[in-house]
C-alpha atoms as a PDB file:
ATOM      1  CA  MET A   1       0.003   0.003   0.000  1.00  0.00           C
ATOM      2  CA  LYS A   2       1.282   3.420  -0.922  1.00  0.00           C
ATOM      3  CA  THR A   3       0.399   6.680   0.682  1.00  0.00           C
ATOM      4  CA  PRO A   4       0.891  10.190  -0.779  1.00  0.00           C
ATOM      5  CA  LEU A   5       4.482  11.255  -0.343  1.00  0.00           C
ATOM      6  CA  GLY A   6       4.977  14.357   1.723  1.00  0.00           C
ATOM      7  CA  LEU A   7       1.341  14.546   2.802  1.00  0.00           C
ATOM      8  CA  CYS A   8       1.190  16.994   5.647  1.00  0.00           C
ATOM      9  CA  ILE A   9      -1.691  16.788   8.130  1.00  0.00           C
ATOM     10  CA  LEU A  10      -2.092  19.690  10.500  1.00  0.00           C
ATOM     11  CA  LEU A  11      -2.980  18.858  14.073  1.00  0.00           C
ATOM     12  CA  ILE A  12      -4.701  21.742  15.773  1.00  0.00           C
ATOM     13  CA  SER A  13      -4.097  21.764  19.516  1.00  0.00           C
ATOM     14  CA  LEU A  14      -5.378  24.759  21.334  1.00  0.00           C
ATOM     15  CA  VAL A  15      -3.169  25.445  24.328  1.00  0.00           C
ATOM     16  CA  LEU A  16      -4.859  28.126  26.325  1.00  0.00           C
ATOM     17  CA  SER A  17      -2.522  30.399  28.240  1.00  0.00           C
ATOM     18  CA  ALA A  18      -3.170  30.840  31.919  1.00  0.00           C
ATOM     19  CA  CYS A  19      -4.509  34.152  33.108  1.00  0.00           C
ATOM     20  CA  GLY A  20      -2.868  35.265  36.319  1.00  0.00           C
ATOM     21  CA  GLY A  21      -3.183  38.183  38.681  1.00  0.00           C
ATOM     22  CA  GLU A  22      -5.997  39.386  40.850  1.00  0.00           C
ATOM     23  CA  ALA A  23      -8.061  40.275  37.778  1.00  0.00           C
ATOM     24  CA  ALA A  24      -8.572  36.557  37.208  1.00  0.00           C
ATOM     25  CA  ARG A  25      -9.933  36.034  40.703  1.00  0.00           C
ATOM     26  CA  LEU A  26     -13.504  36.966  39.880  1.00  0.00           C
ATOM     27  CA  VAL A  27     -15.389  34.492  42.017  1.00  0.00           C
ATOM     28  CA  ALA A  28     -16.101  35.788  45.516  1.00  0.00           C
ATOM     29  CA  ASP A  29     -15.461  33.488  48.441  1.00  0.00           C
ATOM     30  CA  ALA A  30     -18.256  34.829  50.593  1.00  0.00           C
ATOM     31  CA  PRO A  31     -21.028  32.266  51.262  1.00  0.00           C
ATOM     32  CA  LEU A  32     -24.452  32.900  49.754  1.00  0.00           C
ATOM     33  CA  ILE A  33     -27.911  32.328  51.174  1.00  0.00           C
ATOM     34  CA  SER A  34     -29.222  30.812  47.927  1.00  0.00           C
ATOM     35  CA  VAL A  35     -28.532  30.732  44.181  1.00  0.00           C
ATOM     36  CA  GLN A  36     -30.588  29.767  41.164  1.00  0.00           C
ATOM     37  CA  ALA A  37     -30.284  29.593  37.374  1.00  0.00           C
ATOM     38  CA  THR A  38     -32.108  28.261  34.311  1.00  0.00           C
ATOM     39  CA  ASP A  39     -30.449  25.402  32.438  1.00  0.00           C
ATOM     40  CA  ALA A  40     -30.760  24.121  28.862  1.00  0.00           C
ATOM     41  CA  ARG A  41     -33.924  22.184  29.786  1.00  0.00           C
ATOM     42  CA  GLY A  42     -35.616  25.421  30.735  1.00  0.00           C
ATOM     43  CA  GLN A  43     -35.720  24.238  34.333  1.00  0.00           C
ATOM     44  CA  THR A  44     -34.900  26.450  37.282  1.00  0.00           C
ATOM     45  CA  VAL A  45     -32.054  24.927  39.309  1.00  0.00           C
ATOM     46  CA  ARG A  46     -31.928  26.103  42.942  1.00  0.00           C
ATOM     47  CA  LEU A  47     -29.298  25.627  45.612  1.00  0.00           C
ATOM     48  CA  LEU A  48     -29.381  26.815  49.190  1.00  0.00           C
ATOM     49  CA  ARG A  49     -25.784  27.936  48.931  1.00  0.00           C
ATOM     50  CA  ARG A  50     -23.022  28.301  46.395  1.00  0.00           C
ATOM     51  CA  PRO A  51     -21.902  24.840  45.159  1.00  0.00           C
ATOM     52  CA  GLU A  52     -18.520  23.784  46.554  1.00  0.00           C
ATOM     53  CA  ARG A  53     -18.368  20.183  45.282  1.00  0.00           C
ATOM     54  CA  ILE A  54     -19.003  20.000  41.532  1.00  0.00           C
ATOM     55  CA  VAL A  55     -18.960  16.930  39.288  1.00  0.00           C
ATOM     56  CA  ALA A  56     -18.764  17.729  35.549  1.00  0.00           C
ATOM     57  CA  LEU A  57     -19.612  14.874  33.206  1.00  0.00           C
ATOM     58  CA  GLY A  58     -18.863  16.729  29.970  1.00  0.00           C
ATOM     59  CA  PRO A  59     -15.855  18.634  28.639  1.00  0.00           C
ATOM     60  CA  GLY A  60     -17.992  21.689  27.922  1.00  0.00           C
ATOM     61  CA  GLY A  61     -19.265  21.972  31.478  1.00  0.00           C
ATOM     62  CA  ALA A  62     -15.867  21.278  33.053  1.00  0.00           C
ATOM     63  CA  GLU A  63     -14.174  23.890  30.901  1.00  0.00           C
ATOM     64  CA  ALA A  64     -16.881  26.443  31.679  1.00  0.00           C
ATOM     65  CA  VAL A  65     -16.397  25.939  35.428  1.00  0.00           C
ATOM     66  CA  VAL A  66     -12.661  26.582  35.064  1.00  0.00           C
ATOM     67  CA  ALA A  67     -13.244  29.606  32.848  1.00  0.00           C
ATOM     68  CA  LEU A  68     -15.613  30.997  35.477  1.00  0.00           C
ATOM     69  CA  GLY A  69     -12.855  30.795  38.064  1.00  0.00           C
ATOM     70  CA  ALA A  70     -14.274  27.852  39.972  1.00  0.00           C
ATOM     71  CA  GLY A  71     -11.996  25.012  38.878  1.00  0.00           C
ATOM     72  CA  HIS A  72     -10.919  24.440  42.461  1.00  0.00           C
ATOM     73  CA  ARG A  73     -14.468  23.326  43.262  1.00  0.00           C
ATOM     74  CA  LEU A  74     -14.408  20.407  40.813  1.00  0.00           C
ATOM     75  CA  VAL A  75     -14.224  17.070  42.638  1.00  0.00           C
ATOM     76  CA  ALA A  76     -14.621  14.854  39.563  1.00  0.00           C
ATOM     77  CA  VAL A  77     -14.738  15.070  35.782  1.00  0.00           C
ATOM     78  CA  SER A  78     -15.334  12.657  32.930  1.00  0.00           C
ATOM     79  CA  ASP A  79     -12.460  10.336  32.102  1.00  0.00           C
ATOM     80  CA  GLN A  80     -12.648  11.829  28.607  1.00  0.00           C
ATOM     81  CA  LEU A  81     -10.811  14.820  29.997  1.00  0.00           C
ATOM     82  CA  ALA A  82      -7.706  12.704  30.493  1.00  0.00           C
ATOM     83  CA  ALA A  83      -7.152  12.843  26.720  1.00  0.00           C
ATOM     84  CA  THR A  84      -4.284  14.855  25.363  1.00  0.00           C
ATOM     85  CA  HIS A  85      -6.506  17.561  23.891  1.00  0.00           C
ATOM     86  CA  TRP A  86      -7.431  18.807  27.379  1.00  0.00           C
ATOM     87  CA  ARG A  87      -5.255  21.811  28.159  1.00  0.00           C
ATOM     88  CA  TRP A  88      -7.035  23.490  31.051  1.00  0.00           C
ATOM     89  CA  PRO A  89      -5.319  23.464  34.474  1.00  0.00           C
ATOM     90  CA  LEU A  90      -7.489  21.049  36.453  1.00  0.00           C
ATOM     91  CA  PRO A  91      -6.956  20.151  40.099  1.00  0.00           C
ATOM     92  CA  ASP A  92      -6.215  16.563  41.086  1.00  0.00           C
ATOM     93  CA  VAL A  93      -9.786  15.261  40.795  1.00  0.00           C
ATOM     94  CA  ALA A  94     -11.431  11.904  40.291  1.00  0.00           C
ATOM     95  CA  ARG A  95     -12.067  10.636  36.758  1.00  0.00           C
ATOM     96  CA  LEU A  96     -15.499   9.103  36.231  1.00  0.00           C
ATOM     97  CA  ARG A  97     -16.411   6.600  33.549  1.00  0.00           C
ATOM     98  CA  ALA A  98     -17.957   8.360  30.555  1.00  0.00           C
ATOM     99  CA  GLN A  99     -19.077   5.304  28.587  1.00  0.00           C
ATOM    100  CA  GLY A 100     -21.694   2.732  29.458  1.00  0.00           C
ATOM    101  CA  GLY A 101     -24.032   4.999  31.424  1.00  0.00           C
ATOM    102  CA  LEU A 102     -23.767   7.118  34.517  1.00  0.00           C
ATOM    103  CA  ALA A 103     -21.527   5.835  37.313  1.00  0.00           C
ATOM    104  CA  LEU A 104     -24.182   6.757  39.869  1.00  0.00           C
ATOM    105  CA  ASP A 105     -22.632   5.029  42.883  1.00  0.00           C
ATOM    106  CA  ASP A 106     -19.261   6.660  42.224  1.00  0.00           C
ATOM    107  CA  ILE A 107     -20.899  10.052  41.781  1.00  0.00           C
ATOM    108  CA  GLU A 108     -22.974   9.709  44.924  1.00  0.00           C
ATOM    109  CA  ALA A 109     -19.915   8.682  46.958  1.00  0.00           C
ATOM    110  CA  LEU A 110     -18.302  12.027  46.118  1.00  0.00           C
ATOM    111  CA  GLN A 111     -21.238  13.853  47.734  1.00  0.00           C
ATOM    112  CA  PRO A 112     -21.480  16.580  45.101  1.00  0.00           C
ATOM    113  CA  ASP A 113     -23.791  19.523  45.551  1.00  0.00           C
ATOM    114  CA  LEU A 114     -23.940  20.076  41.762  1.00  0.00           C
ATOM    115  CA  LEU A 115     -23.810  17.694  38.813  1.00  0.00           C
ATOM    116  CA  LEU A 116     -23.089  19.266  35.393  1.00  0.00           C
ATOM    117  CA  ILE A 117     -24.146  17.380  32.261  1.00  0.00           C
ATOM    118  CA  ASP A 118     -23.779  18.547  28.664  1.00  0.00           C
ATOM    119  CA  ALA A 119     -27.085  18.330  26.773  1.00  0.00           C
ATOM    120  CA  GLY A 120     -27.322  15.261  24.560  1.00  0.00           C
ATOM    121  CA  SER A 121     -24.811  13.255  26.589  1.00  0.00           C
ATOM    122  CA  TYR A 122     -27.501  11.162  28.290  1.00  0.00           C
ATOM    123  CA  PRO A 123     -31.233  10.591  27.675  1.00  0.00           C
ATOM    124  CA  PRO A 124     -33.394  13.304  29.301  1.00  0.00           C
ATOM    125  CA  GLU A 125     -35.432  10.701  31.199  1.00  0.00           C
ATOM    126  CA  LEU A 126     -32.250   9.288  32.737  1.00  0.00           C
ATOM    127  CA  ILE A 127     -31.178  12.758  33.888  1.00  0.00           C
ATOM    128  CA  GLU A 128     -34.589  13.364  35.472  1.00  0.00           C
ATOM    129  CA  ARG A 129     -34.496   9.982  37.229  1.00  0.00           C
ATOM    130  CA  VAL A 130     -31.034  10.632  38.568  1.00  0.00           C
ATOM    131  CA  ALA A 131     -32.063  13.993  39.956  1.00  0.00           C
ATOM    132  CA  ARG A 132     -35.181  12.528  41.549  1.00  0.00           C
ATOM    133  CA  GLU A 133     -33.986   9.175  42.910  1.00  0.00           C
ATOM    134  CA  ARG A 134     -30.449  10.118  43.905  1.00  0.00           C
ATOM    135  CA  ARG A 135     -31.427  13.618  45.036  1.00  0.00           C
ATOM    136  CA  LEU A 136     -28.671  15.217  43.009  1.00  0.00           C
ATOM    137  CA  THR A 137     -28.948  18.765  41.778  1.00  0.00           C
ATOM    138  CA  VAL A 138     -28.408  18.645  38.005  1.00  0.00           C
ATOM    139  CA  PHE A 139     -27.585  21.513  35.667  1.00  0.00           C
ATOM    140  CA  VAL A 140     -27.732  20.696  31.932  1.00  0.00           C
ATOM    141  CA  GLY A 141     -25.552  22.846  29.689  1.00  0.00           C
ATOM    142  CA  ALA A 142     -26.595  23.744  26.132  1.00  0.00           C
ATOM    143  CA  THR A 143     -24.791  22.368  23.106  1.00  0.00           C
ATOM    144  CA  ARG A 144     -26.152  24.546  20.306  1.00  0.00           C
ATOM    145  CA  PRO A 145     -26.765  27.095  18.890  1.00  0.00           C
ATOM    146  CA  TYR A 146     -23.954  29.371  20.045  1.00  0.00           C
ATOM    147  CA  ALA A 147     -26.257  32.039  21.489  1.00  0.00           C
ATOM    148  CA  THR A 148     -27.817  29.385  23.733  1.00  0.00           C
ATOM    149  CA  VAL A 149     -24.397  28.095  24.716  1.00  0.00           C
ATOM    150  CA  ALA A 150     -23.244  31.578  25.734  1.00  0.00           C
ATOM    151  CA  GLU A 151     -26.420  32.045  27.775  1.00  0.00           C
ATOM    152  CA  GLY A 152     -25.581  28.772  29.494  1.00  0.00           C
ATOM    153  CA  TRP A 153     -22.241  30.238  30.660  1.00  0.00           C
ATOM    154  CA  ARG A 154     -24.131  33.242  31.971  1.00  0.00           C
ATOM    155  CA  GLN A 155     -26.601  31.053  33.861  1.00  0.00           C
ATOM    156  CA  LEU A 156     -23.854  28.819  35.231  1.00  0.00           C
ATOM    157  CA  GLY A 157     -22.101  31.903  36.597  1.00  0.00           C
ATOM    158  CA  ARG A 158     -25.245  32.678  38.563  1.00  0.00           C
ATOM    159  CA  LEU A 159     -25.406  29.169  39.925  1.00  0.00           C
ATOM    160  CA  LEU A 160     -21.773  29.325  40.964  1.00  0.00           C
ATOM    161  CA  GLY A 161     -22.562  32.439  42.959  1.00  0.00           C
ATOM    162  CA  SER A 162     -20.915  35.009  40.709  1.00  0.00           C
ATOM    163  CA  PRO A 163     -23.392  36.362  38.172  1.00  0.00           C
ATOM    164  CA  SER A 164     -21.089  39.190  37.162  1.00  0.00           C
ATOM    165  CA  THR A 165     -18.437  36.659  36.158  1.00  0.00           C
ATOM    166  CA  GLY A 166     -20.855  34.699  34.015  1.00  0.00           C
ATOM    167  CA  ASP A 167     -22.199  37.871  32.412  1.00  0.00           C
ATOM    168  CA  SER A 168     -18.723  39.225  31.623  1.00  0.00           C
ATOM    169  CA  LEU A 169     -17.513  35.882  30.222  1.00  0.00           C
ATOM    170  CA  ALA A 170     -20.531  35.420  27.958  1.00  0.00           C
ATOM    171  CA  THR A 171     -20.434  39.045  26.806  1.00  0.00           C
ATOM    172  CA  ALA A 172     -16.687  39.100  26.113  1.00  0.00           C
ATOM    173  CA  LEU A 173     -16.588  35.784  24.245  1.00  0.00           C
ATOM    174  CA  THR A 174     -19.706  36.601  22.202  1.00  0.00           C
ATOM    175  CA  ALA A 175     -18.238  39.982  21.253  1.00  0.00           C
ATOM    176  CA  HIS A 176     -14.975  38.322  20.198  1.00  0.00           C
ATOM    177  CA  ARG A 177     -16.814  35.679  18.199  1.00  0.00           C
ATOM    178  CA  ASP A 178     -18.815  38.401  16.431  1.00  0.00           C
ATOM    179  CA  ARG A 179     -15.581  40.210  15.577  1.00  0.00           C
ATOM    180  CA  LEU A 180     -14.162  37.040  14.050  1.00  0.00           C
ATOM    181  CA  THR A 181     -17.347  36.405  12.068  1.00  0.00           C
ATOM    182  CA  ARG A 182     -17.414  39.952  10.688  1.00  0.00           C
ATOM    183  CA  LEU A 183     -13.761  39.627   9.764  1.00  0.00           C
ATOM    184  CA  ALA A 184     -14.551  36.576   7.639  1.00  0.00           C
ATOM    185  CA  GLU A 185     -17.490  38.198   5.811  1.00  0.00           C
ATOM    186  CA  GLY A 186     -16.848  38.805   2.153  1.00  0.00           C
ATOM    187  CA  GLN A 187     -13.937  36.381   1.967  1.00  0.00           C
ATOM    188  CA  THR A 188     -13.780  33.816  -0.788  1.00  0.00           C
ATOM    189  CA  PRO A 189     -14.908  30.613   0.901  1.00  0.00           C
ATOM    190  CA  TYR A 190     -12.869  27.486   0.717  1.00  0.00           C
ATOM    191  CA  VAL A 191     -14.589  24.154   0.423  1.00  0.00           C
ATOM    192  CA  ALA A 192     -14.257  21.892   3.446  1.00  0.00           C
ATOM    193  CA  LEU A 193     -15.298  18.356   4.184  1.00  0.00           C
ATOM    194  CA  ALA A 194     -15.440  16.964   7.696  1.00  0.00           C
ATOM    195  CA  VAL A 195     -15.011  13.213   8.046  1.00  0.00           C
ATOM    196  CA  LEU A 196     -15.308  10.804  10.974  1.00  0.00           C
ATOM    197  CA  PRO A 197     -13.765   7.355  11.516  1.00  0.00           C
ATOM    198  CA  ALA A 198     -15.220   4.280   9.903  1.00  0.00           C
ATOM    199  CA  PRO A 199     -17.666   2.285  12.050  1.00  0.00           C
ATOM    200  CA  VAL A 200     -15.621  -0.806  11.258  1.00  0.00           C
ATOM    201  CA  GLU A 201     -12.021  -1.131  10.154  1.00  0.00           C
ATOM    202  CA  GLY A 202     -11.701  -0.750   6.420  1.00  0.00           C
ATOM    203  CA  GLY A 203     -15.223   0.644   6.020  1.00  0.00           C
ATOM    204  CA  PRO A 204     -16.124   4.009   4.519  1.00  0.00           C
ATOM    205  CA  LEU A 205     -15.566   7.267   6.296  1.00  0.00           C
ATOM    206  CA  ALA A 206     -18.631   9.104   7.542  1.00  0.00           C
ATOM    207  CA  ALA A 207     -19.688  12.721   7.208  1.00  0.00           C
ATOM    208  CA  ALA A 208     -20.355  14.791  10.277  1.00  0.00           C
ATOM    209  CA  GLY A 209     -24.056  15.421  10.717  1.00  0.00           C
ATOM    210  CA  GLY A 210     -25.886  18.538  11.800  1.00  0.00           C
ATOM    211  CA  ALA A 211     -26.032  17.499  15.464  1.00  0.00           C
ATOM    212  CA  THR A 212     -22.821  19.371  16.342  1.00  0.00           C
ATOM    213  CA  LEU A 213     -21.456  22.888  16.239  1.00  0.00           C
ATOM    214  CA  LEU A 214     -19.548  22.063  13.092  1.00  0.00           C
ATOM    215  CA  ASN A 215     -22.035  23.691  10.721  1.00  0.00           C
ATOM    216  CA  GLU A 216     -22.118  26.866  12.744  1.00  0.00           C
ATOM    217  CA  LEU A 217     -18.360  26.947  13.191  1.00  0.00           C
ATOM    218  CA  MET A 218     -17.676  26.516   9.490  1.00  0.00           C
ATOM    219  CA  HIS A 219     -20.211  29.199   8.620  1.00  0.00           C
ATOM    220  CA  ALA A 220     -18.605  31.589  11.089  1.00  0.00           C
ATOM    221  CA  THR A 221     -15.236  31.139   9.428  1.00  0.00           C
ATOM    222  CA  ALA A 222     -16.696  31.798   5.951  1.00  0.00           C
ATOM    223  CA  VAL A 223     -16.120  28.215   4.837  1.00  0.00           C
ATOM    224  CA  LYS A 224     -18.430  26.628   2.350  1.00  0.00           C
ATOM    225  CA  ALA A 225     -18.828  23.176   3.853  1.00  0.00           C
ATOM    226  CA  ALA A 226     -19.171  20.622   1.055  1.00  0.00           C
ATOM    227  CA  TYR A 227     -20.788  18.083   3.367  1.00  0.00           C
ATOM    228  CA  ARG A 228     -23.889  20.279   3.470  1.00  0.00           C
ATOM    229  CA  GLN A 229     -24.662  18.886   0.040  1.00  0.00           C
ATOM    230  CA  LEU A 230     -25.099  15.505   1.730  1.00  0.00           C
ATOM    231  CA  PRO A 231     -27.980  14.527   4.063  1.00  0.00           C
ATOM    232  CA  LEU A 232     -27.605  16.002   7.551  1.00  0.00           C
ATOM    233  CA  GLU A 233     -27.747  12.597   9.139  1.00  0.00           C
ATOM    234  CA  ARG A 234     -24.500  10.658   9.393  1.00  0.00           C
ATOM    235  CA  VAL A 235     -23.902   9.072   6.006  1.00  0.00           C
ATOM    236  CA  ALA A 236     -21.126   7.133   4.329  1.00  0.00           C
ATOM    237  CA  VAL A 237     -18.610   9.102   2.282  1.00  0.00           C
ATOM    238  CA  SER A 238     -17.337   6.921  -0.518  1.00  0.00           C
ATOM    239  CA  PRO A 239     -14.286   7.705  -2.632  1.00  0.00           C
ATOM    240  CA  ASP A 240     -16.672   8.621  -5.450  1.00  0.00           C
ATOM    241  CA  SER A 241     -18.387  11.147  -3.164  1.00  0.00           C
ATOM    242  CA  LEU A 242     -15.076  12.799  -2.335  1.00  0.00           C
ATOM    243  CA  LEU A 243     -14.056  12.908  -5.977  1.00  0.00           C
ATOM    244  CA  THR A 244     -17.372  14.534  -6.889  1.00  0.00           C
ATOM    245  CA  LEU A 245     -17.115  17.163  -4.139  1.00  0.00           C
ATOM    246  CA  ALA A 246     -13.425  17.817  -4.822  1.00  0.00           C
ATOM    247  CA  PRO A 247     -12.838  19.540  -1.468  1.00  0.00           C
ATOM    248  CA  GLU A 248     -10.069  22.123  -1.252  1.00  0.00           C
ATOM    249  CA  TRP A 249      -9.803  21.391   2.476  1.00  0.00           C
ATOM    250  CA  ILE A 250     -10.449  18.215   4.426  1.00  0.00           C
ATOM    251  CA  VAL A 251     -11.194  18.522   8.134  1.00  0.00           C
ATOM    252  CA  LEU A 252     -10.694  15.201   9.895  1.00  0.00           C
ATOM    253  CA  VAL A 253     -12.725  14.906  13.079  1.00  0.00           C
ATOM    254  CA  ALA A 254     -12.347  12.021  15.518  1.00  0.00           C
ATOM    255  CA  THR A 255     -10.031   9.974  13.344  1.00  0.00           C
ATOM    256  CA  SER A 256      -6.334   9.284  13.219  1.00  0.00           C
ATOM    257  CA  GLU A 257      -3.755  10.324  10.667  1.00  0.00           C
ATOM    258  CA  GLN A 258      -2.740   6.702  10.123  1.00  0.00           C
ATOM    259  CA  PHE A 259      -6.307   5.552   9.487  1.00  0.00           C
ATOM    260  CA  PHE A 260      -6.895   8.337   6.972  1.00  0.00           C
ATOM    261  CA  LEU A 261      -3.627   7.681   5.146  1.00  0.00           C
ATOM    262  CA  GLU A 262      -4.471   3.983   4.865  1.00  0.00           C
ATOM    263  CA  TRP A 263      -7.934   4.783   3.570  1.00  0.00           C
ATOM    264  CA  LEU A 264      -6.506   7.343   1.150  1.00  0.00           C
ATOM    265  CA  GLY A 265      -3.851   4.983  -0.135  1.00  0.00           C
ATOM    266  CA  ALA A 266      -6.437   2.283  -0.884  1.00  0.00           C
ATOM    267  CA  ASP A 267      -7.753   4.326  -3.840  1.00  0.00           C
ATOM    268  CA  PRO A 268      -5.078   6.104  -5.917  1.00  0.00           C
ATOM    269  CA  ARG A 269      -7.715   8.410  -7.422  1.00  0.00           C
ATOM    270  CA  LEU A 270      -8.083  10.201  -4.070  1.00  0.00           C
ATOM    271  CA  GLN A 271      -4.523  11.409  -4.281  1.00  0.00           C
ATOM    272  CA  GLU A 272      -5.691  13.788  -7.010  1.00  0.00           C
ATOM    273  CA  LEU A 273      -8.074  15.618  -4.674  1.00  0.00           C
ATOM    274  CA  PRO A 274      -7.227  19.332  -4.432  1.00  0.00           C
ATOM    275  CA  ALA A 275      -6.938  19.055  -0.637  1.00  0.00           C
ATOM    276  CA  VAL A 276      -4.435  16.215  -0.926  1.00  0.00           C
ATOM    277  CA  ARG A 277      -2.366  17.761  -3.683  1.00  0.00           C
ATOM    278  CA  THR A 278      -2.037  21.040  -1.748  1.00  0.00           C
ATOM    279  CA  GLU A 279      -1.698  19.273   1.652  1.00  0.00           C
ATOM    280  CA  ARG A 280      -4.660  21.130   3.119  1.00  0.00           C
ATOM    281  CA  ILE A 281      -5.819  18.556   5.662  1.00  0.00           C
ATOM    282  CA  ILE A 282      -6.676  19.319   9.276  1.00  0.00           C
ATOM    283  CA  LEU A 283      -6.743  16.672  11.969  1.00  0.00           C
ATOM    284  CA  MET A 284      -8.993  17.874  14.788  1.00  0.00           C
ATOM    285  CA  PRO A 285      -9.585  16.131  18.113  1.00  0.00           C
ATOM    286  CA  PRO A 286     -13.376  15.752  18.396  1.00  0.00           C
ATOM    287  CA  ASP A 287     -14.002  17.303  21.810  1.00  0.00           C
ATOM    288  CA  GLN A 288     -11.753  20.235  21.063  1.00  0.00           C
ATOM    289  CA  LEU A 289     -13.738  21.053  17.950  1.00  0.00           C
ATOM    290  CA  LEU A 290     -17.239  20.038  18.903  1.00  0.00           C
ATOM    291  CA  HIS A 291     -17.654  20.576  22.620  1.00  0.00           C
ATOM    292  CA  THR A 292     -19.252  23.730  23.934  1.00  0.00           C
ATOM    293  CA  GLY A 293     -16.750  25.090  26.419  1.00  0.00           C
ATOM    294  CA  PRO A 294     -15.454  28.662  26.095  1.00  0.00           C
ATOM    295  CA  SER A 295     -12.510  27.551  23.965  1.00  0.00           C
ATOM    296  CA  CYS A 296     -14.888  26.942  21.049  1.00  0.00           C
ATOM    297  CA  VAL A 297     -14.376  30.670  20.366  1.00  0.00           C
ATOM    298  CA  LEU A 298     -10.616  30.118  20.249  1.00  0.00           C
ATOM    299  CA  THR A 299     -11.183  27.252  17.838  1.00  0.00           C
ATOM    300  CA  GLN A 300     -13.019  29.628  15.532  1.00  0.00           C
ATOM    301  CA  GLY A 301     -10.057  32.026  15.607  1.00  0.00           C
ATOM    302  CA  ALA A 302      -7.586  29.192  14.925  1.00  0.00           C
ATOM    303  CA  LEU A 303      -9.549  27.955  11.921  1.00  0.00           C
ATOM    304  CA  LEU A 304      -9.991  31.484  10.610  1.00  0.00           C
ATOM    305  CA  LYS A 305      -6.209  31.918  10.575  1.00  0.00           C
ATOM    306  CA  ILE A 306      -5.815  28.667   8.660  1.00  0.00           C
ATOM    307  CA  PHE A 307      -8.580  29.151   6.112  1.00  0.00           C
ATOM    308  CA  HIS A 308      -7.878  32.859   5.548  1.00  0.00           C
ATOM    309  CA  PRO A 309      -4.160  33.435   6.166  1.00  0.00           C
ATOM    310  CA  GLN A 310      -4.360  36.860   4.564  1.00  0.00           C
ATOM    311  CA  LEU A 311      -6.457  38.181   7.434  1.00  0.00           C
ATOM    312  CA  GLU A 312      -5.097  39.671  10.651  1.00  0.00           C
ATOM    313  CA  VAL A 313      -7.054  37.655  13.174  1.00  0.00           C
ATOM    314  CA  PRO A 314      -7.261  39.332  16.600  1.00  0.00           C
ATOM    315  CA  ALA A 315      -6.348  37.309  19.651  1.00  0.00           C
ATOM    316  CA  LEU A 316      -8.775  36.774  22.496  1.00  0.00           C
ATOM    317  CA  PRO A 317      -8.110  39.359  25.252  1.00  0.00           C
ATOM    318  CA  GLY A 318      -5.902  37.752  27.890  1.00  0.00           C
ATOM    319  CA  ASP A 319      -8.165  38.482  30.840  1.00  0.00           C
ATOM    320  CA  THR A 320     -11.303  37.020  29.252  1.00  0.00           C
ATOM    321  CA  LEU A 321     -10.846  33.448  30.481  1.00  0.00           C
ATOM    322  CA  ALA A 322     -10.442  33.571  34.250  1.00  0.00           C
ATOM    323  CA  ARG A 323      -8.329  30.898  35.965  1.00  0.00           C
ATOM    324  CA  ARG A 324      -7.918  29.883  39.550  1.00  0.00           C
END
C-alpha cells in the first residue's frame, strides 16, 4: 500500500494560556444564602448555597467551570478529560467513567452539591430519574446554537454564585466571536469536508451530521462546507463522493492520521483531490472542535487563521478566560 508522499496533516491543539493576577480572581469566596439559574432544559435549578463540590460529566461543562474561576471546586470530571486535547489546568480530581451510562454510585460517593451534564450526553429521562432518585442537583448545559451556549455560561455563573463573572464571560466571548465572524465576511470561501472514523475497520468514512457545532463553526469562518450537500444525518462518504465534491480542504474529526492515510492509499484516485495535492488537511480532536466550552471561540479564531491566512485575526483578550 502506498500513501501520498509528503502529505502534511495539520494537528490543531489549542493550548490556552493561563490568566494570572488578581483580575482573574473573579469569584467571591463569601457564602451565599441561595442561588438559582435556568439550564438548557428550561428548568430552574436552585441551591441553598453556592456549590462547593462539583462533578462535571462533559468537557464543555468542566471547561466552563474553570473559565468562570471555579476550577478548584471540581471534585470529579469525565475520564474523557484525560485525553491529550485537554489543556485546562485542572486540580487533582477523580475521573468518572464516561461510557456505558452514569456511574451513579461513584458520583454519589463524592457527595457533590452540583452535577453538570452537557445536553445530549445522556437521555433526558435518565437525567430526570437521577435527579429525583439520587437527590442530586443537575444543571444541563446547552450544546447549540452558540447564542444558547453563551447564555448557558451566563446562567452557570449565577449558579456558581458570581453572576457578574458569568455575564462578563458570555459578553466578552460573544463579542470576540462576532468580531471574528465579521472579519470573515466577504472572503472567498474554501470548500471543506469533515469526516469521521469508519464504524468498522476498512469501512467508509462518515460525514459529520448537523447534530454538532460544526455547521455553525464553518459558517462563522466563511467556509463553504461541502458536506452540506449531503444529508444532515451521518452518512457514508465513498471515494466517489469525495471525488465529486473535490474539497479544497479536508477537516478530519475524531479519526487518526494513520487511518486516513491507509484509507486514502487504498484508492489512488483520491490522491488527485485538491486538498491532498495542496496538503490542506486538518486533523482535529473531536471534543476540542465540537464541545461547547469557552474555547470553542478560540477554535473559531484558529480555523480562521488557517482558512484565511491573509487576514489579521485578533487574539482573544488575555483576561477574558479567568483561571484559579
